[in-house]
N, C-alpha and C. Protein backbone atom coordinates (compact mmCIF):
# COMPACT_ATOMS: atom_id res chain seq x y z
N MET A 1 -2.19 6.39 6.45
CA MET A 1 -1.50 7.42 7.17
C MET A 1 -2.49 8.46 7.71
N LYS A 2 -3.51 8.81 6.93
CA LYS A 2 -4.48 9.80 7.38
C LYS A 2 -5.17 9.34 8.66
N THR A 3 -5.52 8.06 8.70
CA THR A 3 -6.19 7.52 9.88
C THR A 3 -5.29 7.61 11.10
N GLU A 4 -4.02 7.32 10.93
CA GLU A 4 -3.09 7.40 12.05
C GLU A 4 -2.94 8.84 12.55
N ILE A 5 -2.93 9.79 11.64
CA ILE A 5 -2.83 11.20 12.03
C ILE A 5 -4.08 11.62 12.79
N ILE A 6 -5.24 11.21 12.31
CA ILE A 6 -6.49 11.54 13.01
C ILE A 6 -6.49 10.93 14.41
N ARG A 7 -6.03 9.67 14.51
CA ARG A 7 -5.96 9.02 15.83
C ARG A 7 -4.99 9.75 16.75
N ALA A 8 -3.88 10.20 16.21
CA ALA A 8 -2.90 10.92 17.03
C ALA A 8 -3.47 12.24 17.52
N ILE A 9 -4.19 12.95 16.65
CA ILE A 9 -4.82 14.22 17.06
C ILE A 9 -5.89 13.95 18.12
N ALA A 10 -6.66 12.91 17.92
CA ALA A 10 -7.68 12.56 18.92
C ALA A 10 -7.04 12.21 20.25
N GLY A 11 -5.85 11.63 20.20
CA GLY A 11 -5.13 11.31 21.43
C GLY A 11 -4.72 12.54 22.21
N GLN A 12 -4.66 13.67 21.55
CA GLN A 12 -4.30 14.93 22.22
C GLN A 12 -5.54 15.73 22.60
N ALA A 13 -6.71 15.13 22.48
CA ALA A 13 -7.97 15.83 22.75
C ALA A 13 -8.07 16.31 24.19
N TRP A 14 -7.37 15.66 25.12
CA TRP A 14 -7.44 16.09 26.52
C TRP A 14 -7.01 17.55 26.66
N SER A 15 -5.99 17.96 25.92
CA SER A 15 -5.53 19.35 26.03
C SER A 15 -6.53 20.31 25.39
N PHE A 16 -7.16 19.88 24.31
CA PHE A 16 -8.18 20.71 23.67
C PHE A 16 -9.40 20.86 24.58
N LEU A 17 -9.82 19.75 25.19
CA LEU A 17 -10.96 19.81 26.12
C LEU A 17 -10.65 20.67 27.33
N THR A 18 -9.42 20.57 27.83
CA THR A 18 -9.03 21.41 28.96
C THR A 18 -9.07 22.88 28.56
N ALA A 19 -8.64 23.19 27.35
CA ALA A 19 -8.70 24.57 26.86
C ALA A 19 -10.15 25.03 26.78
N ALA A 20 -11.02 24.18 26.28
CA ALA A 20 -12.44 24.55 26.16
C ALA A 20 -13.07 24.78 27.53
N VAL A 21 -12.78 23.90 28.48
CA VAL A 21 -13.33 24.05 29.83
C VAL A 21 -12.79 25.33 30.47
N SER A 22 -11.51 25.59 30.30
CA SER A 22 -10.92 26.82 30.86
C SER A 22 -11.58 28.06 30.26
N ALA A 23 -11.82 28.05 28.97
CA ALA A 23 -12.47 29.18 28.32
C ALA A 23 -13.91 29.34 28.83
N LEU A 24 -14.61 28.22 29.01
CA LEU A 24 -15.98 28.26 29.52
C LEU A 24 -16.02 28.81 30.94
N VAL A 25 -15.12 28.36 31.78
CA VAL A 25 -15.05 28.86 33.16
C VAL A 25 -14.73 30.35 33.15
N ALA A 26 -13.79 30.74 32.31
CA ALA A 26 -13.42 32.16 32.24
C ALA A 26 -14.60 33.01 31.78
N ALA A 27 -15.35 32.52 30.79
CA ALA A 27 -16.49 33.28 30.28
C ALA A 27 -17.58 33.42 31.33
N GLN A 28 -17.72 32.44 32.20
CA GLN A 28 -18.77 32.47 33.22
C GLN A 28 -18.32 33.19 34.49
N SER A 29 -17.05 33.46 34.61
CA SER A 29 -16.51 34.07 35.83
C SER A 29 -16.92 35.53 35.95
N LYS A 30 -17.20 35.93 37.19
CA LYS A 30 -17.61 37.30 37.45
C LYS A 30 -16.43 38.21 37.79
N THR A 31 -15.35 37.61 38.23
CA THR A 31 -14.20 38.46 38.60
C THR A 31 -13.19 38.50 37.46
N ARG A 32 -12.60 39.64 37.33
CA ARG A 32 -11.64 39.87 36.25
C ARG A 32 -10.42 38.95 36.38
N ALA A 33 -9.91 38.72 37.59
CA ALA A 33 -8.72 37.89 37.81
C ALA A 33 -8.98 36.45 37.37
N LEU A 34 -10.14 35.89 37.72
CA LEU A 34 -10.47 34.52 37.31
C LEU A 34 -10.64 34.43 35.80
N ARG A 35 -11.24 35.46 35.20
CA ARG A 35 -11.38 35.48 33.75
C ARG A 35 -10.01 35.47 33.07
N ASN A 36 -9.11 36.30 33.55
CA ASN A 36 -7.76 36.35 32.97
C ASN A 36 -7.04 35.01 33.13
N ILE A 37 -7.14 34.41 34.29
CA ILE A 37 -6.50 33.11 34.53
C ILE A 37 -7.13 32.05 33.62
N GLY A 38 -8.43 32.06 33.53
CA GLY A 38 -9.14 31.08 32.69
C GLY A 38 -8.78 31.20 31.22
N PHE A 39 -8.77 32.43 30.69
CA PHE A 39 -8.43 32.61 29.29
C PHE A 39 -6.95 32.32 29.02
N THR A 40 -6.10 32.64 29.98
CA THR A 40 -4.67 32.32 29.84
C THR A 40 -4.48 30.80 29.81
N ALA A 41 -5.15 30.10 30.72
CA ALA A 41 -5.06 28.63 30.73
C ALA A 41 -5.63 28.05 29.44
N ALA A 42 -6.74 28.60 28.97
CA ALA A 42 -7.33 28.12 27.72
C ALA A 42 -6.35 28.30 26.56
N ALA A 43 -5.73 29.47 26.49
CA ALA A 43 -4.76 29.71 25.41
C ALA A 43 -3.56 28.77 25.52
N ALA A 44 -3.07 28.56 26.75
CA ALA A 44 -1.91 27.69 26.95
C ALA A 44 -2.24 26.25 26.56
N PHE A 45 -3.41 25.75 26.97
CA PHE A 45 -3.77 24.37 26.63
C PHE A 45 -4.09 24.21 25.14
N PHE A 46 -4.65 25.24 24.53
CA PHE A 46 -4.89 25.17 23.09
C PHE A 46 -3.56 25.14 22.33
N LEU A 47 -2.60 25.96 22.77
CA LEU A 47 -1.27 25.95 22.16
C LEU A 47 -0.60 24.59 22.35
N LEU A 48 -0.75 24.02 23.54
CA LEU A 48 -0.20 22.69 23.81
C LEU A 48 -0.83 21.65 22.88
N PHE A 49 -2.15 21.74 22.70
CA PHE A 49 -2.84 20.83 21.79
C PHE A 49 -2.26 20.94 20.38
N LEU A 50 -2.10 22.16 19.89
CA LEU A 50 -1.55 22.36 18.54
C LEU A 50 -0.14 21.79 18.41
N LEU A 51 0.70 22.08 19.39
CA LEU A 51 2.08 21.59 19.34
C LEU A 51 2.15 20.06 19.35
N LEU A 52 1.37 19.43 20.23
CA LEU A 52 1.39 17.97 20.31
C LEU A 52 0.81 17.33 19.05
N ALA A 53 -0.28 17.90 18.54
CA ALA A 53 -0.90 17.35 17.33
C ALA A 53 0.04 17.48 16.13
N ILE A 54 0.67 18.63 16.00
CA ILE A 54 1.60 18.83 14.89
C ILE A 54 2.80 17.91 15.03
N SER A 55 3.32 17.79 16.24
CA SER A 55 4.47 16.90 16.47
C SER A 55 4.13 15.45 16.10
N ASP A 56 2.96 14.99 16.52
CA ASP A 56 2.56 13.62 16.19
C ASP A 56 2.37 13.44 14.68
N ALA A 57 1.76 14.42 14.04
CA ALA A 57 1.54 14.33 12.59
C ALA A 57 2.87 14.29 11.84
N VAL A 58 3.82 15.12 12.25
CA VAL A 58 5.14 15.12 11.61
C VAL A 58 5.84 13.78 11.83
N THR A 59 5.77 13.25 13.04
CA THR A 59 6.39 11.95 13.33
C THR A 59 5.79 10.85 12.48
N ILE A 60 4.49 10.84 12.35
CA ILE A 60 3.82 9.83 11.53
C ILE A 60 4.24 9.97 10.07
N TYR A 61 4.29 11.20 9.58
CA TYR A 61 4.72 11.42 8.20
C TYR A 61 6.16 10.93 8.00
N GLN A 62 7.05 11.28 8.93
CA GLN A 62 8.45 10.85 8.82
C GLN A 62 8.57 9.32 8.88
N THR A 63 7.77 8.71 9.71
CA THR A 63 7.78 7.25 9.84
C THR A 63 7.38 6.60 8.51
N HIS A 64 6.30 7.09 7.93
CA HIS A 64 5.84 6.53 6.66
C HIS A 64 6.83 6.82 5.53
N ALA A 65 7.43 7.99 5.54
CA ALA A 65 8.42 8.32 4.52
C ALA A 65 9.65 7.41 4.64
N ALA A 66 10.09 7.18 5.88
CA ALA A 66 11.24 6.29 6.10
C ALA A 66 10.91 4.87 5.67
N ALA A 67 9.72 4.39 6.01
CA ALA A 67 9.32 3.03 5.63
C ALA A 67 9.24 2.90 4.11
N LYS A 68 8.73 3.92 3.44
CA LYS A 68 8.64 3.87 1.98
C LYS A 68 10.04 3.87 1.35
N GLU A 69 10.91 4.72 1.84
CA GLU A 69 12.27 4.77 1.30
C GLU A 69 12.98 3.42 1.50
N LEU A 70 12.82 2.84 2.68
CA LEU A 70 13.44 1.54 2.94
C LEU A 70 12.83 0.44 2.08
N ALA A 71 11.54 0.51 1.85
CA ALA A 71 10.89 -0.48 0.97
C ALA A 71 11.41 -0.35 -0.46
N ASP A 72 11.62 0.87 -0.91
CA ASP A 72 12.19 1.08 -2.25
C ASP A 72 13.61 0.52 -2.33
N LEU A 73 14.39 0.75 -1.28
CA LEU A 73 15.75 0.21 -1.25
C LEU A 73 15.73 -1.32 -1.21
N ARG A 74 14.76 -1.88 -0.51
CA ARG A 74 14.64 -3.33 -0.45
C ARG A 74 14.32 -3.91 -1.83
N ARG A 75 13.39 -3.28 -2.54
CA ARG A 75 13.07 -3.73 -3.90
C ARG A 75 14.32 -3.65 -4.79
N GLU A 76 15.03 -2.56 -4.68
CA GLU A 76 16.27 -2.41 -5.44
C GLU A 76 17.27 -3.51 -5.05
N GLY A 77 17.30 -3.83 -3.77
CA GLY A 77 18.19 -4.89 -3.28
C GLY A 77 17.85 -6.25 -3.85
N TRP A 78 16.56 -6.57 -3.92
CA TRP A 78 16.17 -7.87 -4.49
C TRP A 78 16.56 -7.95 -5.97
N LYS A 79 16.43 -6.86 -6.68
CA LYS A 79 16.86 -6.85 -8.09
C LYS A 79 18.37 -7.08 -8.17
N GLN A 80 19.10 -6.40 -7.29
CA GLN A 80 20.56 -6.54 -7.28
C GLN A 80 20.97 -7.96 -6.89
N TYR A 81 20.26 -8.54 -5.95
CA TYR A 81 20.51 -9.93 -5.54
C TYR A 81 20.36 -10.88 -6.72
N THR A 82 19.30 -10.68 -7.50
CA THR A 82 19.06 -11.53 -8.67
C THR A 82 20.17 -11.38 -9.70
N VAL A 83 20.59 -10.15 -9.93
CA VAL A 83 21.67 -9.91 -10.89
C VAL A 83 22.96 -10.57 -10.39
N TRP A 84 23.26 -10.41 -9.12
CA TRP A 84 24.48 -10.96 -8.55
C TRP A 84 24.50 -12.48 -8.67
N TRP A 85 23.38 -13.09 -8.31
CA TRP A 85 23.27 -14.55 -8.38
C TRP A 85 23.38 -15.02 -9.84
N THR A 86 22.65 -14.35 -10.72
CA THR A 86 22.64 -14.75 -12.14
C THR A 86 24.03 -14.66 -12.77
N ASP A 87 24.76 -13.61 -12.44
CA ASP A 87 26.07 -13.38 -13.06
C ASP A 87 27.24 -13.83 -12.17
N CYS A 88 26.97 -14.67 -11.19
CA CYS A 88 27.99 -14.99 -10.19
C CYS A 88 29.23 -15.69 -10.75
N ASN A 89 29.10 -16.39 -11.86
CA ASN A 89 30.25 -17.11 -12.42
C ASN A 89 31.02 -16.31 -13.46
N ASP A 90 30.53 -15.13 -13.79
CA ASP A 90 31.25 -14.21 -14.67
C ASP A 90 32.00 -13.24 -13.76
N VAL A 91 33.31 -13.38 -13.70
CA VAL A 91 34.11 -12.64 -12.72
C VAL A 91 33.87 -11.13 -12.77
N ALA A 92 33.89 -10.55 -13.93
CA ALA A 92 33.73 -9.10 -14.06
C ALA A 92 32.32 -8.66 -13.66
N LYS A 93 31.31 -9.34 -14.18
CA LYS A 93 29.92 -8.97 -13.85
C LYS A 93 29.63 -9.22 -12.38
N ALA A 94 30.15 -10.31 -11.85
CA ALA A 94 29.92 -10.64 -10.45
C ALA A 94 30.54 -9.59 -9.53
N LYS A 95 31.74 -9.13 -9.86
CA LYS A 95 32.40 -8.10 -9.06
C LYS A 95 31.61 -6.80 -9.11
N GLU A 96 31.13 -6.45 -10.27
CA GLU A 96 30.31 -5.25 -10.42
C GLU A 96 29.02 -5.36 -9.61
N ALA A 97 28.37 -6.51 -9.68
CA ALA A 97 27.14 -6.74 -8.92
C ALA A 97 27.41 -6.72 -7.41
N GLU A 98 28.52 -7.32 -7.01
CA GLU A 98 28.88 -7.32 -5.58
C GLU A 98 29.14 -5.90 -5.09
N ASP A 99 29.83 -5.10 -5.90
CA ASP A 99 30.10 -3.71 -5.51
C ASP A 99 28.80 -2.91 -5.37
N ARG A 100 27.85 -3.11 -6.28
CA ARG A 100 26.56 -2.43 -6.19
C ARG A 100 25.78 -2.90 -4.96
N ALA A 101 25.85 -4.20 -4.68
CA ALA A 101 25.16 -4.73 -3.50
C ALA A 101 25.78 -4.16 -2.22
N GLU A 102 27.09 -4.05 -2.20
CA GLU A 102 27.76 -3.48 -1.02
C GLU A 102 27.40 -2.01 -0.84
N ALA A 103 27.37 -1.26 -1.93
CA ALA A 103 26.98 0.15 -1.85
C ALA A 103 25.54 0.28 -1.34
N LEU A 104 24.68 -0.60 -1.80
CA LEU A 104 23.28 -0.58 -1.35
C LEU A 104 23.19 -0.95 0.13
N ARG A 105 23.95 -1.95 0.56
CA ARG A 105 23.97 -2.35 1.98
C ARG A 105 24.38 -1.17 2.85
N LEU A 106 25.42 -0.46 2.46
CA LEU A 106 25.89 0.69 3.23
C LEU A 106 24.86 1.82 3.23
N LYS A 107 24.17 2.01 2.12
CA LYS A 107 23.13 3.04 2.04
C LYS A 107 21.96 2.69 2.98
N ILE A 108 21.58 1.42 3.01
CA ILE A 108 20.49 0.99 3.90
C ILE A 108 20.91 1.18 5.36
N ILE A 109 22.14 0.81 5.69
CA ILE A 109 22.63 0.99 7.06
C ILE A 109 22.58 2.47 7.44
N ASP A 110 23.00 3.33 6.53
CA ASP A 110 22.97 4.77 6.79
C ASP A 110 21.55 5.25 7.05
N ARG A 111 20.60 4.84 6.20
CA ARG A 111 19.20 5.27 6.36
C ARG A 111 18.62 4.75 7.68
N LEU A 112 18.91 3.50 8.00
CA LEU A 112 18.40 2.93 9.25
C LEU A 112 18.99 3.67 10.45
N THR A 113 20.27 3.96 10.40
CA THR A 113 20.93 4.63 11.52
C THR A 113 20.41 6.05 11.70
N THR A 114 20.25 6.79 10.60
CA THR A 114 19.85 8.19 10.72
C THR A 114 18.35 8.38 10.90
N LYS A 115 17.54 7.50 10.32
CA LYS A 115 16.10 7.74 10.35
C LYS A 115 15.34 6.83 11.31
N ILE A 116 15.93 5.72 11.70
CA ILE A 116 15.22 4.78 12.57
C ILE A 116 15.99 4.61 13.88
N SER A 117 16.99 3.76 13.88
CA SER A 117 17.82 3.59 15.07
C SER A 117 19.05 2.76 14.74
N GLU A 118 20.08 2.92 15.57
CA GLU A 118 21.29 2.13 15.40
C GLU A 118 21.00 0.65 15.65
N THR A 119 20.06 0.38 16.55
CA THR A 119 19.71 -1.00 16.87
C THR A 119 19.15 -1.71 15.64
N GLU A 120 18.26 -1.06 14.92
CA GLU A 120 17.70 -1.67 13.71
C GLU A 120 18.77 -1.81 12.62
N ALA A 121 19.68 -0.83 12.53
CA ALA A 121 20.77 -0.93 11.56
C ALA A 121 21.66 -2.13 11.89
N GLU A 122 21.93 -2.32 13.15
CA GLU A 122 22.74 -3.45 13.58
C GLU A 122 22.03 -4.78 13.31
N TYR A 123 20.73 -4.82 13.58
CA TYR A 123 19.94 -6.03 13.31
C TYR A 123 19.98 -6.36 11.82
N PHE A 124 19.80 -5.34 10.99
CA PHE A 124 19.84 -5.55 9.54
C PHE A 124 21.19 -6.11 9.10
N ASN A 125 22.26 -5.57 9.63
CA ASN A 125 23.59 -5.86 9.09
C ASN A 125 24.24 -7.13 9.64
N THR A 126 23.80 -7.62 10.79
CA THR A 126 24.48 -8.75 11.42
C THR A 126 24.00 -10.09 10.87
N PRO A 127 24.91 -10.82 10.21
CA PRO A 127 24.53 -12.16 9.73
C PRO A 127 24.28 -13.10 10.91
N LYS A 128 23.41 -14.06 10.71
CA LYS A 128 23.11 -15.05 11.74
C LYS A 128 23.63 -16.41 11.29
N ALA A 129 24.10 -17.17 12.25
CA ALA A 129 24.65 -18.49 11.93
C ALA A 129 23.57 -19.46 11.44
N VAL A 130 22.33 -19.22 11.79
CA VAL A 130 21.25 -20.16 11.45
C VAL A 130 20.54 -19.82 10.15
N GLU A 131 21.02 -18.85 9.41
CA GLU A 131 20.34 -18.47 8.18
C GLU A 131 20.47 -19.58 7.14
N ALA A 132 19.33 -19.96 6.63
CA ALA A 132 19.28 -21.08 5.68
C ALA A 132 20.02 -20.74 4.40
N PHE A 133 20.65 -21.72 3.87
CA PHE A 133 21.34 -21.58 2.59
C PHE A 133 20.50 -22.34 1.56
N PRO A 134 20.16 -21.70 0.45
CA PRO A 134 19.29 -22.37 -0.51
C PRO A 134 20.01 -23.46 -1.31
N PHE A 135 20.19 -24.62 -0.67
CA PHE A 135 20.82 -25.74 -1.36
C PHE A 135 19.91 -26.21 -2.50
N HIS A 136 20.44 -27.05 -3.35
CA HIS A 136 19.71 -27.56 -4.52
C HIS A 136 19.35 -26.43 -5.48
N THR A 137 20.18 -25.38 -5.47
CA THR A 137 20.00 -24.29 -6.43
C THR A 137 21.35 -24.01 -7.08
N THR A 138 21.35 -23.16 -8.06
CA THR A 138 22.60 -22.80 -8.73
C THR A 138 23.47 -21.90 -7.85
N LEU A 139 22.92 -21.39 -6.77
CA LEU A 139 23.72 -20.54 -5.87
C LEU A 139 24.90 -21.31 -5.29
N THR A 140 24.75 -22.60 -5.11
CA THR A 140 25.84 -23.39 -4.53
C THR A 140 27.08 -23.40 -5.42
N SER A 141 26.92 -23.14 -6.71
CA SER A 141 28.07 -23.12 -7.61
C SER A 141 28.72 -21.75 -7.72
N CYS A 142 28.17 -20.75 -7.06
CA CYS A 142 28.73 -19.40 -7.13
C CYS A 142 29.95 -19.29 -6.22
N PRO A 143 31.02 -18.66 -6.70
CA PRO A 143 32.21 -18.50 -5.88
C PRO A 143 31.97 -17.69 -4.60
N ARG A 144 31.10 -16.70 -4.63
CA ARG A 144 30.84 -15.83 -3.46
C ARG A 144 29.45 -16.13 -2.90
N ASN A 145 29.06 -17.39 -2.91
CA ASN A 145 27.70 -17.77 -2.55
C ASN A 145 27.33 -17.40 -1.11
N ILE A 146 28.27 -17.44 -0.20
CA ILE A 146 27.95 -17.08 1.18
C ILE A 146 27.58 -15.60 1.27
N LEU A 147 28.32 -14.76 0.60
CA LEU A 147 28.01 -13.32 0.62
C LEU A 147 26.68 -13.02 -0.07
N ILE A 148 26.41 -13.71 -1.15
CA ILE A 148 25.13 -13.53 -1.84
C ILE A 148 23.98 -13.94 -0.92
N ASN A 149 24.16 -15.06 -0.24
CA ASN A 149 23.14 -15.56 0.69
C ASN A 149 22.94 -14.59 1.86
N GLN A 150 24.03 -14.05 2.39
CA GLN A 150 23.92 -13.09 3.49
C GLN A 150 23.16 -11.84 3.03
N PHE A 151 23.42 -11.41 1.81
CA PHE A 151 22.72 -10.24 1.27
C PHE A 151 21.22 -10.50 1.22
N ALA A 152 20.83 -11.68 0.77
CA ALA A 152 19.40 -12.02 0.71
C ALA A 152 18.77 -12.01 2.09
N HIS A 153 19.46 -12.57 3.07
CA HIS A 153 18.91 -12.59 4.43
C HIS A 153 18.84 -11.19 5.03
N ARG A 154 19.78 -10.34 4.67
CA ARG A 154 19.69 -8.94 5.12
C ARG A 154 18.42 -8.28 4.57
N LEU A 155 18.13 -8.55 3.32
CA LEU A 155 16.93 -7.99 2.71
C LEU A 155 15.67 -8.52 3.39
N GLU A 156 15.69 -9.78 3.80
CA GLU A 156 14.55 -10.34 4.55
C GLU A 156 14.42 -9.64 5.91
N ARG A 157 15.54 -9.41 6.59
CA ARG A 157 15.48 -8.70 7.87
C ARG A 157 15.00 -7.27 7.68
N LEU A 158 15.38 -6.64 6.56
CA LEU A 158 14.90 -5.29 6.28
C LEU A 158 13.38 -5.29 6.15
N GLY A 159 12.81 -6.32 5.56
CA GLY A 159 11.35 -6.44 5.49
C GLY A 159 10.73 -6.49 6.88
N GLU A 160 11.34 -7.22 7.80
CA GLU A 160 10.85 -7.27 9.19
C GLU A 160 10.92 -5.89 9.83
N ILE A 161 12.01 -5.19 9.60
CA ILE A 161 12.18 -3.85 10.17
C ILE A 161 11.11 -2.91 9.64
N ILE A 162 10.85 -2.98 8.35
CA ILE A 162 9.83 -2.11 7.75
C ILE A 162 8.46 -2.39 8.39
N GLN A 163 8.15 -3.65 8.62
CA GLN A 163 6.88 -3.99 9.27
C GLN A 163 6.82 -3.41 10.68
N ARG A 164 7.92 -3.49 11.43
CA ARG A 164 7.93 -2.91 12.79
C ARG A 164 7.75 -1.40 12.73
N ILE A 165 8.37 -0.76 11.75
CA ILE A 165 8.23 0.70 11.60
C ILE A 165 6.77 1.06 11.35
N LYS A 166 6.14 0.33 10.46
CA LYS A 166 4.74 0.60 10.14
C LYS A 166 3.83 0.35 11.34
N GLN A 167 4.13 -0.66 12.13
CA GLN A 167 3.29 -0.97 13.28
C GLN A 167 3.40 0.08 14.38
N ARG A 168 4.55 0.68 14.53
CA ARG A 168 4.70 1.68 15.59
C ARG A 168 4.54 3.10 15.09
N GLY A 169 4.10 3.27 13.85
CA GLY A 169 4.02 4.57 13.20
C GLY A 169 3.07 5.57 13.81
N GLY A 170 2.12 5.18 14.61
CA GLY A 170 1.10 6.09 15.09
C GLY A 170 1.52 6.99 16.23
N GLY A 171 2.30 8.00 15.93
CA GLY A 171 2.59 9.02 16.93
C GLY A 171 3.67 8.66 17.91
N SER A 172 4.46 7.64 17.67
CA SER A 172 5.56 7.34 18.58
C SER A 172 6.69 8.29 18.28
N ARG A 173 7.23 8.91 19.24
CA ARG A 173 8.29 9.88 19.02
C ARG A 173 9.66 9.22 19.06
N THR A 174 9.80 8.01 18.50
CA THR A 174 11.05 7.27 18.59
C THR A 174 11.91 7.42 17.36
N LEU A 175 11.40 7.96 16.29
CA LEU A 175 12.19 8.06 15.06
C LEU A 175 12.87 9.41 14.99
N ALA A 176 14.06 9.41 14.43
CA ALA A 176 14.81 10.67 14.32
C ALA A 176 14.37 11.46 13.13
């Protein structure tokens, strides 16, 4: 994250250099009007540099925080998936595991919608017809095996989303 923040600040160097050049021109100017214009421009470009650098740093921090939170939820989801699958033939335990998985799914959708985008939330939540079903496993004997399988594939899609978030983390102003 530190490297990305440094890169983002370096990307705003044009405004800092413009401020420095304006200050240099103002300092060398013989007329008062040009000096005032030069120092005003230098101050304006330096302020612009600070605002852009801070904005990029905050965006990068928020991106990494969102990715970490989603990764934690994904780990929690895999644990819940294992519990659900393991207890799938015990009606009471399976219902409890399904309810926890559903609550987690809704929490992930909320985080994706508020911190990333509705598009990513929709991608996470939409089951695909081509998602492989792990045949030759005990999952086939589970009464709610399709829902358990969909939950696992959602967690896999969440991993893809987290990777995309990390890849675009360097100063993109796309995250809320």
